[in-house]
């Protein structure tokens, strides 16, 4: 705690209807770099979740009728408060999630930029006056908030996910019940405290913390007064949530898993592609849904690319997120480390070779060595599995048609990346790759102004972009008889 000046940001209680709830039982939040307990947080259940829905439902009529410019003013003030407290928030984020401190700072800055984008788009959430086709009727549309929204957020980007979901919903006039990950609840509680401090009314943003999602998740996906569920996480859980929400015909927004291809053609700038591959795979220790999961490299440059990538990966520094030179931090828990180790071990047993890394780090704990695997094949489990760790498997391909087919042979469709010097090929690949987002000679695909989301089993809906509030708004048609 000596590193955090704003000590009040470390909130051990949940937030329901403007009150901080201590809870009768609590669960520990741990530092993944060393296993130490950071804090104990309220471990709530179904009754608390229903109370949070009550609070959101009570706050909804006033909030949804509030002027758009007033909601935008409050969202912008929230963004300002986040930036003012960014250093403390970043330290809290690194403490409970493990990512390098500079990445935590970037996440908070990006989250604040998203809030400001939502505030501006809220001022442009316009309906339309429609053409006259009946002399006795005039038609128009207006946009209105969906209502009470539940947001279920992940641990890998626990600040950004909260701000993107809650910020857009609140700007649109919805009220929110948030359930953050049990691994990273502290940053969610901290940003909720800042929302209250800038004047966002009680009940507009409620936070329910729990160590197990079962009972709370059941309420948040089935309660009749909840009109929408927004979830980011695994495809398996997303499908279950979609099934639960279907019983109440609730609107659903899902940002689910990925299996992104990273394609390097022989005419690409090899150094540029290798540099980009580092961020695309090893940022946040590889725990990123849009991260490159399968590196496809054309035969003629395969050896050179593997050498270039391995040299860069060998220079990555493994350590605590608070160590100044850290590039790759710990994974989130033992289950995550065991999964990565199993995938690598299985691949090596089938003929893959580790050029760099390939095992748990010598420092122990939740650290896994940054790894490059060569001679991997589609028969290996890591070809079909979202690795979610610091491992880059490099596959060969010969032709454009072949790599398109292989890149698309997955149920996932979140992101894809392609590197080539041919503009025509960039266009063809961008159109043919089955993904919601394509980076063409870039991996910079995340920005408030860019729609974020996937196709196929990677989800439904979009976050960010010009239509960032559309998920949280309903279009109402009004027909006036003259």
Protein backbone atom coordinates (compact mmCIF):
# COMPACT_ATOMS: atom_id res chain seq x y z
CA UNK A 1 0.00 0.00 0.00
CA UNK A 2 3.00 2.35 0.33
CA UNK A 3 2.89 2.74 -3.46
CA UNK A 4 -0.71 4.03 -3.59
CA UNK A 5 -1.32 7.58 -2.37
CA UNK A 6 -5.12 7.58 -2.67
CA UNK A 7 -5.66 4.87 -0.10
CA UNK A 8 -9.45 5.22 -0.28
CA UNK A 9 -9.38 3.73 -3.80
CA UNK A 10 -8.71 0.32 -2.28
CA UNK A 11 -12.36 -0.54 -1.59
CA UNK A 12 -12.99 -3.92 0.05
CA UNK A 13 -16.77 -3.63 -0.18
CA UNK A 14 -19.23 -3.92 -3.04
CA UNK A 15 -21.24 -0.92 -4.27
CA UNK A 16 -25.04 -1.19 -4.32
CA UNK A 17 -27.41 1.76 -4.60
CA UNK A 18 -24.88 4.28 -3.37
CA UNK A 19 -23.81 2.22 -0.34
CA UNK A 20 -20.62 0.28 0.24
CA UNK A 21 -21.47 -3.27 1.29
CA UNK A 22 -18.95 -5.10 3.48
CA UNK A 23 -20.59 -8.52 3.21
CA UNK A 24 -20.75 -11.25 5.82
CA UNK A 25 -18.09 -13.33 4.09
CA UNK A 26 -15.05 -12.25 2.13
CA UNK A 27 -12.54 -13.67 -0.35
CA UNK A 28 -8.88 -12.91 -0.91
CA UNK A 29 -7.44 -11.05 -3.89
CA UNK A 30 -3.83 -12.06 -4.52
CA UNK A 31 -0.81 -10.60 -6.26
CA UNK A 32 -0.08 -13.07 -9.10
CA UNK A 33 3.62 -12.22 -9.02
CA UNK A 34 4.12 -13.66 -5.53
CA UNK A 35 0.81 -15.01 -4.22
CA UNK A 36 0.56 -12.45 -1.42
CA UNK A 37 -2.91 -11.36 -0.29
CA UNK A 38 -3.63 -7.77 -1.34
CA UNK A 39 -7.07 -7.42 0.23
CA UNK A 40 -10.20 -9.30 1.16
CA UNK A 41 -13.35 -8.32 -0.71
CA UNK A 42 -17.06 -8.83 -0.03
CA UNK A 43 -18.18 -12.25 -1.25
CA UNK A 44 -21.82 -11.70 -2.17
CA UNK A 45 -24.56 -13.96 -3.44
CA UNK A 46 -27.94 -14.00 -5.16
CA UNK A 47 -29.69 -11.73 -2.63
CA UNK A 48 -27.10 -8.99 -3.10
CA UNK A 49 -27.36 -9.35 -6.88
CA UNK A 50 -31.14 -8.87 -6.66
CA UNK A 51 -30.60 -5.84 -4.43
CA UNK A 52 -28.26 -4.40 -7.04
CA UNK A 53 -30.86 -4.93 -9.75
CA UNK A 54 -33.40 -3.23 -7.46
CA UNK A 55 -31.09 -0.24 -7.10
CA UNK A 56 -30.47 -0.03 -10.85
CA UNK A 57 -34.19 -0.29 -11.58
CA UNK A 58 -34.98 2.50 -9.09
CA UNK A 59 -32.34 4.78 -10.57
CA UNK A 60 -33.32 4.10 -14.18
CA UNK A 61 -36.33 6.44 -14.65
CA UNK A 62 -34.46 9.54 -13.52
CA UNK A 63 -31.21 8.69 -15.27
CA UNK A 64 -32.80 7.79 -18.59
CA UNK A 65 -34.76 11.06 -18.61
CA UNK A 66 -31.74 13.20 -17.71
CA UNK A 67 -30.58 15.50 -20.53
CA UNK A 68 -27.99 13.96 -22.82
CA UNK A 69 -25.57 16.82 -22.22
CA UNK A 70 -25.77 16.27 -18.45
CA UNK A 71 -24.97 12.57 -18.80
CA UNK A 72 -22.11 13.44 -21.14
CA UNK A 73 -20.79 16.02 -18.67
CA UNK A 74 -20.69 13.42 -15.90
CA UNK A 75 -19.04 10.79 -18.10
CA UNK A 76 -16.39 13.33 -19.13
CA UNK A 77 -15.82 14.24 -15.48
CA UNK A 78 -15.36 10.54 -14.74
CA UNK A 79 -12.71 10.35 -17.46
CA UNK A 80 -10.95 13.36 -15.97
CA UNK A 81 -10.95 11.81 -12.49
CA UNK A 82 -9.47 8.60 -13.93
CA UNK A 83 -6.61 10.49 -15.55
CA UNK A 84 -5.96 12.48 -12.38
CA UNK A 85 -5.70 9.23 -10.39
CA UNK A 86 -4.08 7.26 -13.21
CA UNK A 87 -0.84 6.44 -11.42
CA UNK A 88 -2.58 5.03 -8.35
CA UNK A 89 -5.10 3.15 -10.49
CA UNK A 90 -2.31 1.71 -12.65
CA UNK A 91 -0.46 0.49 -9.57
CA UNK A 92 -3.61 -1.12 -8.25
CA UNK A 93 -4.22 -2.75 -11.63
CA UNK A 94 -0.68 -4.11 -11.85
CA UNK A 95 -0.88 -5.32 -8.25
CA UNK A 96 -3.91 -7.54 -8.76
CA UNK A 97 -3.50 -8.46 -12.45
CA UNK A 98 0.27 -8.65 -12.87
CA UNK A 99 0.82 -6.74 -16.13
CA UNK A 100 3.78 -4.35 -16.46
CA UNK A 101 3.05 -0.95 -14.95
CA UNK A 102 3.47 0.90 -18.26
CA UNK A 103 0.82 -1.35 -19.82
CA UNK A 104 -1.51 -0.64 -16.89
CA UNK A 105 -1.03 3.10 -17.44
CA UNK A 106 -1.87 2.67 -21.12
CA UNK A 107 -5.01 0.71 -20.24
CA UNK A 108 -6.24 3.50 -17.98
CA UNK A 109 -5.49 6.17 -20.58
CA UNK A 110 -7.31 4.17 -23.24
CA UNK A 111 -10.26 3.68 -20.88
CA UNK A 112 -10.50 7.41 -20.22
CA UNK A 113 -10.33 8.11 -23.96
CA UNK A 114 -13.20 5.66 -24.49
CA UNK A 115 -15.32 7.44 -21.87
CA UNK A 116 -14.79 10.74 -23.65
CA UNK A 117 -15.71 9.14 -26.96
CA UNK A 118 -18.95 7.79 -25.45
CA UNK A 119 -19.77 11.21 -24.04
CA UNK A 120 -19.41 12.78 -27.48
CA UNK A 121 -21.35 10.05 -29.27
CA UNK A 122 -24.16 10.43 -26.73
CA UNK A 123 -24.67 13.97 -28.02
CA UNK A 124 -25.18 12.48 -31.50
CA UNK A 125 -27.59 9.64 -30.64
CA UNK A 126 -30.19 10.94 -33.05
CA UNK A 127 -33.41 9.62 -34.49
CA UNK A 128 -34.68 10.40 -37.98
CA UNK A 129 -37.58 12.08 -39.73
CA UNK A 130 -38.66 9.64 -42.43
CA UNK A 131 -39.92 10.30 -45.97
CA UNK A 132 -43.65 10.99 -46.42
CA UNK A 133 -45.43 8.21 -48.32
CA UNK A 134 -48.87 8.73 -46.81
CA UNK A 135 -50.32 12.24 -46.91
CA UNK A 136 -52.11 11.68 -43.62
CA UNK A 137 -49.17 10.31 -41.60
CA UNK A 138 -45.79 11.66 -40.55
CA UNK A 139 -43.18 9.14 -39.39
CA UNK A 140 -40.10 9.50 -37.25
CA UNK A 141 -37.79 7.46 -35.02
CA UNK A 142 -36.24 8.17 -31.65
CA UNK A 143 -33.58 6.27 -29.70
CA UNK A 144 -34.14 5.29 -26.07
CA UNK A 145 -32.00 3.41 -23.54
CA UNK A 146 -32.48 -0.34 -23.30
CA UNK A 147 -32.90 -0.18 -19.51
CA UNK A 148 -31.05 -2.07 -16.79
CA UNK A 149 -27.84 -3.64 -18.12
CA UNK A 150 -25.68 -6.24 -16.45
CA UNK A 151 -21.98 -6.17 -17.33
CA UNK A 152 -19.76 -9.19 -16.65
CA UNK A 153 -16.11 -8.34 -17.17
CA UNK A 154 -12.84 -10.35 -17.44
CA UNK A 155 -9.54 -10.24 -15.57
CA UNK A 156 -7.13 -9.67 -18.46
CA UNK A 157 -8.13 -6.03 -19.12
CA UNK A 158 -10.18 -5.39 -15.99
CA UNK A 159 -10.15 -1.58 -16.16
CA UNK A 160 -10.75 -1.18 -19.90
CA UNK A 161 -13.57 -3.72 -19.99
CA UNK A 162 -15.40 -2.06 -17.10
CA UNK A 163 -15.05 1.41 -18.58
CA UNK A 164 -16.04 0.38 -22.10
CA UNK A 165 -19.16 -1.51 -21.05
CA UNK A 166 -20.33 0.69 -18.20
CA UNK A 167 -19.34 3.96 -19.84
CA UNK A 168 -21.26 3.27 -23.06
CA UNK A 169 -24.32 1.95 -21.24
CA UNK A 170 -24.43 4.88 -18.81
CA UNK A 171 -23.88 7.48 -21.53
CA UNK A 172 -26.83 5.99 -23.40
CA UNK A 173 -29.06 6.40 -20.33
CA UNK A 174 -28.95 2.84 -18.98
CA UNK A 175 -28.17 1.85 -15.41
CA UNK A 176 -25.70 -0.94 -14.74
CA UNK A 177 -25.02 -3.86 -12.45
CA UNK A 178 -21.38 -4.86 -12.84
CA UNK A 179 -19.85 -8.18 -11.83
CA UNK A 180 -16.06 -7.97 -12.18
CA UNK A 181 -13.79 -11.00 -12.26
CA UNK A 182 -13.03 -12.50 -8.88
CA UNK A 183 -9.32 -12.19 -9.72
CA UNK A 184 -9.44 -8.43 -10.36
CA UNK A 185 -12.29 -6.77 -8.44
CA UNK A 186 -10.22 -3.97 -6.88
CA UNK A 187 -9.79 -1.87 -10.02
CA UNK A 188 -13.52 -2.13 -10.77
CA UNK A 189 -14.37 -0.91 -7.26
CA UNK A 190 -11.85 1.92 -7.56
CA UNK A 191 -13.28 3.27 -10.82
CA UNK A 192 -16.80 2.95 -9.38
CA UNK A 193 -15.70 5.06 -6.41
CA UNK A 194 -14.43 7.74 -8.79
CA UNK A 195 -17.75 7.66 -10.66
CA UNK A 196 -19.55 8.41 -7.40
CA UNK A 197 -17.08 11.16 -6.51
CA UNK A 198 -17.76 13.08 -9.73
CA UNK A 199 -21.52 13.02 -9.06
CA UNK A 200 -22.89 10.06 -11.01
CA UNK A 201 -26.09 9.31 -9.03
CA UNK A 202 -26.50 6.39 -6.67
CA UNK A 203 -27.81 3.24 -8.33
CA UNK A 204 -26.58 4.14 -11.80
CA UNK A 205 -23.44 2.00 -11.38
CA UNK A 206 -23.61 -0.92 -8.95
CA UNK A 207 -20.79 -3.42 -8.38
CA UNK A 208 -21.40 -6.94 -7.06
CA UNK A 209 -18.26 -8.83 -6.06
CA UNK A 210 -18.18 -12.60 -5.54
CA UNK A 211 -15.68 -15.44 -5.49
CA UNK A 212 -17.84 -17.69 -7.68
CA UNK A 213 -20.10 -16.49 -10.47
CA UNK A 214 -22.79 -19.18 -10.15
CA UNK A 215 -25.54 -17.67 -7.98
CA UNK A 216 -24.82 -14.06 -8.90
CA UNK A 217 -24.55 -14.87 -12.61
CA UNK A 218 -27.89 -16.67 -12.50
CA UNK A 219 -29.60 -13.52 -11.22
CA UNK A 220 -27.81 -11.18 -13.60
CA UNK A 221 -28.75 -13.23 -16.66
CA UNK A 222 -32.34 -14.18 -15.77
CA UNK A 223 -33.78 -11.41 -13.56
CA UNK A 224 -36.85 -10.04 -15.41
CA UNK A 225 -35.94 -6.37 -14.85
CA UNK A 226 -32.59 -6.83 -16.61
CA UNK A 227 -33.03 -5.92 -20.26
CA UNK A 228 -29.50 -6.61 -21.51
CA UNK A 229 -26.41 -8.65 -20.64
CA UNK A 230 -22.95 -7.59 -21.84
CA UNK A 231 -20.20 -10.17 -21.35
CA UNK A 232 -16.53 -10.48 -22.20
CA UNK A 233 -14.84 -13.82 -21.60
CA UNK A 234 -14.55 -17.34 -22.91
CA UNK A 235 -16.70 -18.66 -25.73
CA UNK A 236 -17.94 -21.51 -23.56
CA UNK A 237 -19.24 -19.19 -20.83
CA UNK A 238 -20.60 -16.75 -23.41
CA UNK A 239 -22.74 -19.47 -24.95
CA UNK A 240 -24.10 -20.39 -21.52
CA UNK A 241 -24.95 -16.75 -20.80
CA UNK A 242 -26.66 -16.43 -24.16
CA UNK A 243 -28.78 -19.47 -23.33
CA UNK A 244 -29.75 -18.06 -19.93
CA UNK A 245 -30.63 -14.65 -21.38
CA UNK A 246 -32.72 -16.23 -24.14
CA UNK A 247 -35.36 -17.26 -21.61
CA UNK A 248 -36.13 -13.60 -20.97
CA UNK A 249 -35.52 -12.52 -24.59
CA UNK A 250 -32.82 -10.18 -23.31
CA UNK A 251 -30.49 -8.30 -25.57
CA UNK A 252 -26.99 -9.80 -25.47
CA UNK A 253 -23.58 -8.41 -26.39
CA UNK A 254 -20.73 -10.91 -26.34
CA UNK A 255 -16.99 -10.44 -26.84
CA UNK A 256 -15.58 -13.95 -26.74
CA UNK A 257 -12.44 -15.91 -27.52
CA UNK A 258 -10.13 -15.67 -30.51
CA UNK A 259 -7.66 -17.73 -32.52
CA UNK A 260 -6.08 -14.96 -34.55
CA UNK A 261 -3.86 -15.69 -37.54
CA UNK A 262 -0.75 -13.55 -38.07
CA UNK A 263 0.27 -13.96 -41.71
CA UNK A 264 3.66 -12.96 -43.08
CA UNK A 265 4.22 -13.12 -46.86
CA UNK A 266 7.67 -13.34 -48.43
CA UNK A 267 7.47 -9.75 -49.70
CA UNK A 268 6.74 -8.30 -46.25
CA UNK A 269 9.09 -6.02 -44.33
CA UNK A 270 10.47 -8.79 -42.14
CA UNK A 271 11.77 -6.55 -39.36
CA UNK A 272 8.47 -4.69 -39.18
CA UNK A 273 6.53 -7.93 -38.99
CA UNK A 274 8.81 -9.41 -36.31
CA UNK A 275 8.57 -6.24 -34.22
CA UNK A 276 4.79 -6.27 -34.52
CA UNK A 277 4.65 -9.94 -33.59
CA UNK A 278 6.10 -9.16 -30.16
CA UNK A 279 3.19 -6.93 -29.22
CA UNK A 280 0.64 -9.13 -30.94
CA UNK A 281 1.67 -12.19 -28.90
CA UNK A 282 3.50 -11.12 -25.73
CA UNK A 283 1.63 -8.00 -24.62
CA UNK A 284 -0.03 -8.68 -21.25
CA UNK A 285 1.89 -11.97 -21.14
CA UNK A 286 -0.13 -13.18 -24.13
CA UNK A 287 -3.37 -12.93 -22.15
CA UNK A 288 -5.21 -10.96 -24.81
CA UNK A 289 -8.20 -12.07 -26.86
CA UNK A 290 -7.05 -10.29 -30.03
CA UNK A 291 -3.51 -11.60 -29.66
CA UNK A 292 -1.92 -13.50 -32.53
CA UNK A 293 -2.39 -17.21 -31.82
CA UNK A 294 -1.15 -18.82 -35.06
CA UNK A 295 1.81 -17.35 -36.95
CA UNK A 296 1.71 -18.33 -40.63
CA UNK A 297 4.97 -17.60 -42.47
CA UNK A 298 5.64 -18.25 -46.15
CA UNK A 299 8.10 -21.07 -46.83
CA UNK A 300 10.80 -18.96 -48.47
CA UNK A 301 11.23 -16.71 -45.42
CA UNK A 302 10.30 -19.15 -42.66
CA UNK A 303 13.84 -19.66 -41.33
CA UNK A 304 14.65 -15.93 -41.42
CA UNK A 305 11.43 -14.96 -39.66
CA UNK A 306 11.84 -17.57 -36.92
CA UNK A 307 15.37 -16.28 -36.35
CA UNK A 308 14.24 -12.64 -36.24
CA UNK A 309 11.35 -13.40 -33.88
CA UNK A 310 13.43 -15.61 -31.59
CA UNK A 311 16.11 -12.94 -31.24
CA UNK A 312 13.50 -10.42 -30.10
CA UNK A 313 11.77 -12.83 -27.75
CA UNK A 314 15.07 -13.79 -26.14
CA UNK A 315 15.49 -10.15 -25.11
CA UNK A 316 12.12 -9.95 -23.32
CA UNK A 317 12.47 -9.49 -19.58
CA UNK A 318 10.33 -11.65 -17.30
CA UNK A 319 9.37 -10.23 -13.91
CA UNK A 320 6.94 -8.49 -11.62
CA UNK A 321 4.93 -5.72 -13.21
CA UNK A 322 6.50 -3.28 -10.78
CA UNK A 323 10.06 -4.01 -11.91
CA UNK A 324 10.95 -1.18 -14.30
CA UNK A 325 12.27 -3.29 -17.20
CA UNK A 326 9.61 -6.02 -17.16
CA UNK A 327 8.13 -6.96 -20.53
CA UNK A 328 6.28 -10.13 -19.53
CA UNK A 329 4.63 -10.57 -16.15
CA UNK A 330 3.03 -13.56 -14.45
CA UNK A 331 -0.03 -15.39 -15.71
CA UNK A 332 -3.20 -14.90 -13.72
CA UNK A 333 -3.37 -18.24 -11.85
CA UNK A 334 -2.02 -21.77 -11.69
CA UNK A 335 -4.70 -23.09 -14.04
CA UNK A 336 -3.51 -20.68 -16.74
CA UNK A 337 0.13 -21.74 -16.33
CA UNK A 338 -0.79 -25.42 -16.40
CA UNK A 339 -2.79 -24.93 -19.62
CA UNK A 340 0.11 -23.20 -21.40
CA UNK A 341 2.60 -25.78 -20.19
CA UNK A 342 0.36 -28.62 -21.34
CA UNK A 343 -0.08 -27.15 -24.83
CA UNK A 344 3.66 -26.63 -25.27
CA UNK A 345 4.59 -30.04 -23.87
CA UNK A 346 2.09 -31.76 -26.15
CA UNK A 347 3.40 -29.88 -29.20
CA UNK A 348 7.00 -30.76 -28.37
CA UNK A 349 6.09 -34.41 -27.92
CA UNK A 350 4.75 -34.34 -31.49
CA UNK A 351 7.84 -32.78 -33.04
CA UNK A 352 7.67 -29.05 -32.38
CA UNK A 353 10.93 -27.42 -31.25
CA UNK A 354 11.31 -24.57 -28.79
CA UNK A 355 13.72 -22.04 -30.27
CA UNK A 356 13.36 -19.87 -27.17
CA UNK A 357 11.76 -20.77 -23.84
CA UNK A 358 9.42 -23.73 -23.74
CA UNK A 359 8.98 -24.26 -20.01
CA UNK A 360 7.97 -22.75 -16.69
CA UNK A 361 10.33 -19.98 -15.63
CA UNK A 362 13.11 -20.77 -13.19
CA UNK A 363 11.81 -18.11 -10.80
CA UNK A 364 8.75 -20.32 -10.23
CA UNK A 365 5.29 -19.13 -9.30
CA UNK A 366 2.96 -18.13 -12.13
CA UNK A 367 5.71 -17.25 -14.61
CA UNK A 368 6.15 -19.01 -17.96
CA UNK A 369 9.10 -18.34 -20.25
CA UNK A 370 8.40 -16.31 -23.41
CA UNK A 371 8.47 -19.03 -26.04
CA UNK A 372 8.84 -19.46 -29.81
CA UNK A 373 7.91 -22.85 -31.25
CA UNK A 374 8.90 -23.94 -34.74
CA UNK A 375 7.92 -26.99 -36.81
CA UNK A 376 4.40 -26.89 -35.44
CA UNK A 377 1.53 -28.46 -37.38
CA UNK A 378 -2.28 -28.16 -37.51
CA UNK A 379 -2.53 -31.56 -35.82
CA UNK A 380 -1.33 -30.06 -32.53
CA UNK A 381 -3.79 -28.87 -29.89
CA UNK A 382 -2.39 -25.33 -29.79
CA UNK A 383 -3.52 -24.86 -33.40
CA UNK A 384 -7.15 -25.14 -32.30
CA UNK A 385 -6.85 -23.64 -28.82
CA UNK A 386 -6.61 -20.04 -27.66
CA UNK A 387 -3.23 -20.25 -25.92
CA UNK A 388 -3.63 -17.16 -23.70
CA UNK A 389 0.01 -17.15 -22.71
CA UNK A 390 3.48 -16.03 -23.92
CA UNK A 391 3.88 -18.66 -26.64
CA UNK A 392 4.29 -18.01 -30.39
CA UNK A 393 3.88 -21.11 -32.61
CA UNK A 394 5.15 -20.53 -36.18
CA UNK A 395 3.56 -22.51 -39.06
CA UNK A 396 4.59 -22.73 -42.72
CA UNK A 397 2.49 -21.97 -45.78
CA UNK A 398 3.18 -21.80 -49.50
CA UNK A 399 0.38 -19.90 -51.29
CA UNK A 400 -2.18 -17.17 -50.67
CA UNK A 401 -5.11 -19.51 -51.20
CA UNK A 402 -3.65 -22.04 -48.78
CA UNK A 403 -3.13 -19.55 -45.97
CA UNK A 404 -6.60 -18.06 -46.36
CA UNK A 405 -8.12 -21.51 -45.99
CA UNK A 406 -5.98 -22.35 -42.98
CA UNK A 407 -6.49 -19.01 -41.30
CA UNK A 408 -10.26 -19.42 -41.59
CA UNK A 409 -10.47 -23.05 -40.42
CA UNK A 410 -11.53 -22.09 -36.90
CA UNK A 411 -14.80 -21.30 -35.15
CA UNK A 412 -13.25 -18.07 -33.85
CA UNK A 413 -13.36 -14.84 -35.80
CA UNK A 414 -12.22 -11.96 -33.62
CA UNK A 415 -9.04 -10.57 -35.19
CA UNK A 416 -6.49 -11.30 -37.92
CA UNK A 417 -3.21 -9.74 -39.06
CA UNK A 418 -1.45 -9.78 -42.42
CA UNK A 419 1.91 -8.40 -43.54
CA UNK A 420 2.78 -7.92 -47.22
CA UNK A 421 4.08 -5.13 -49.46
CA UNK A 422 1.42 -5.76 -52.12
CA UNK A 423 -1.53 -3.40 -51.73
CA UNK A 424 -3.80 -5.60 -53.79
CA UNK A 425 -3.01 -8.57 -51.60
CA UNK A 426 -3.74 -6.52 -48.47
CA UNK A 427 -7.20 -5.77 -49.84
CA UNK A 428 -7.85 -9.37 -50.84
CA UNK A 429 -6.71 -10.72 -47.49
CA UNK A 430 -8.66 -8.11 -45.54
CA UNK A 431 -11.83 -9.11 -47.37
CA UNK A 432 -11.26 -12.87 -47.27
CA UNK A 433 -10.12 -13.31 -43.67
CA UNK A 434 -13.07 -14.26 -41.46
CA UNK A 435 -12.61 -11.85 -38.57
CA UNK A 436 -14.35 -8.83 -37.13
CA UNK A 437 -11.10 -6.85 -37.15
CA UNK A 438 -8.13 -7.05 -39.52
CA UNK A 439 -4.75 -5.42 -39.06
CA UNK A 440 -3.20 -4.87 -42.50
CA UNK A 441 0.50 -4.16 -41.96
CA UNK A 442 -0.34 -3.08 -38.42
CA UNK A 443 -1.41 -4.52 -35.10
CA UNK A 444 -2.92 -1.23 -33.90
CA UNK A 445 -6.59 -2.21 -34.14
CA UNK A 446 -7.83 -0.88 -30.78
CA UNK A 447 -8.97 2.74 -30.48
CA UNK A 448 -12.18 4.40 -29.23
CA UNK A 449 -13.17 5.32 -32.78
CA UNK A 450 -12.76 1.76 -34.11
CA UNK A 451 -15.57 -0.82 -33.66
CA UNK A 452 -14.33 -3.77 -31.59
CA UNK A 453 -15.88 -7.22 -31.86
CA UNK A 454 -15.92 -10.53 -33.67
CA UNK A 455 -17.89 -12.88 -35.89
CA UNK A 456 -18.60 -16.61 -35.77
CA UNK A 457 -18.05 -17.94 -32.23
CA UNK A 458 -16.14 -14.83 -31.19
CA UNK A 459 -19.25 -12.94 -30.26
CA UNK A 460 -22.12 -10.61 -31.06
CA UNK A 461 -22.19 -6.84 -31.25
CA UNK A 462 -19.53 -4.14 -31.25
CA UNK A 463 -17.90 -1.94 -28.65
CA UNK A 464 -16.47 1.46 -29.59
CA UNK A 465 -16.67 3.15 -32.95
CA UNK A 466 -19.35 5.49 -34.31
CA UNK A 467 -22.08 3.05 -33.25
CA UNK A 468 -20.71 2.52 -29.75
CA UNK A 469 -24.04 3.30 -28.05
CA UNK A 470 -26.22 1.30 -30.44
CA UNK A 471 -25.97 -1.86 -28.33
CA UNK A 472 -27.55 0.03 -25.43
CA UNK A 473 -30.27 1.86 -27.37
CA UNK A 474 -33.58 0.79 -28.83
CA UNK A 475 -35.07 2.43 -31.92
CA UNK A 476 -38.71 3.45 -31.46
CA UNK A 477 -40.89 4.34 -34.45
CA UNK A 478 -43.51 7.06 -33.96
CA UNK A 479 -46.24 7.56 -36.55
CA UNK A 480 -48.37 10.77 -36.36
CA UNK A 481 -51.76 10.81 -37.97
CA UNK A 482 -52.71 14.29 -39.22
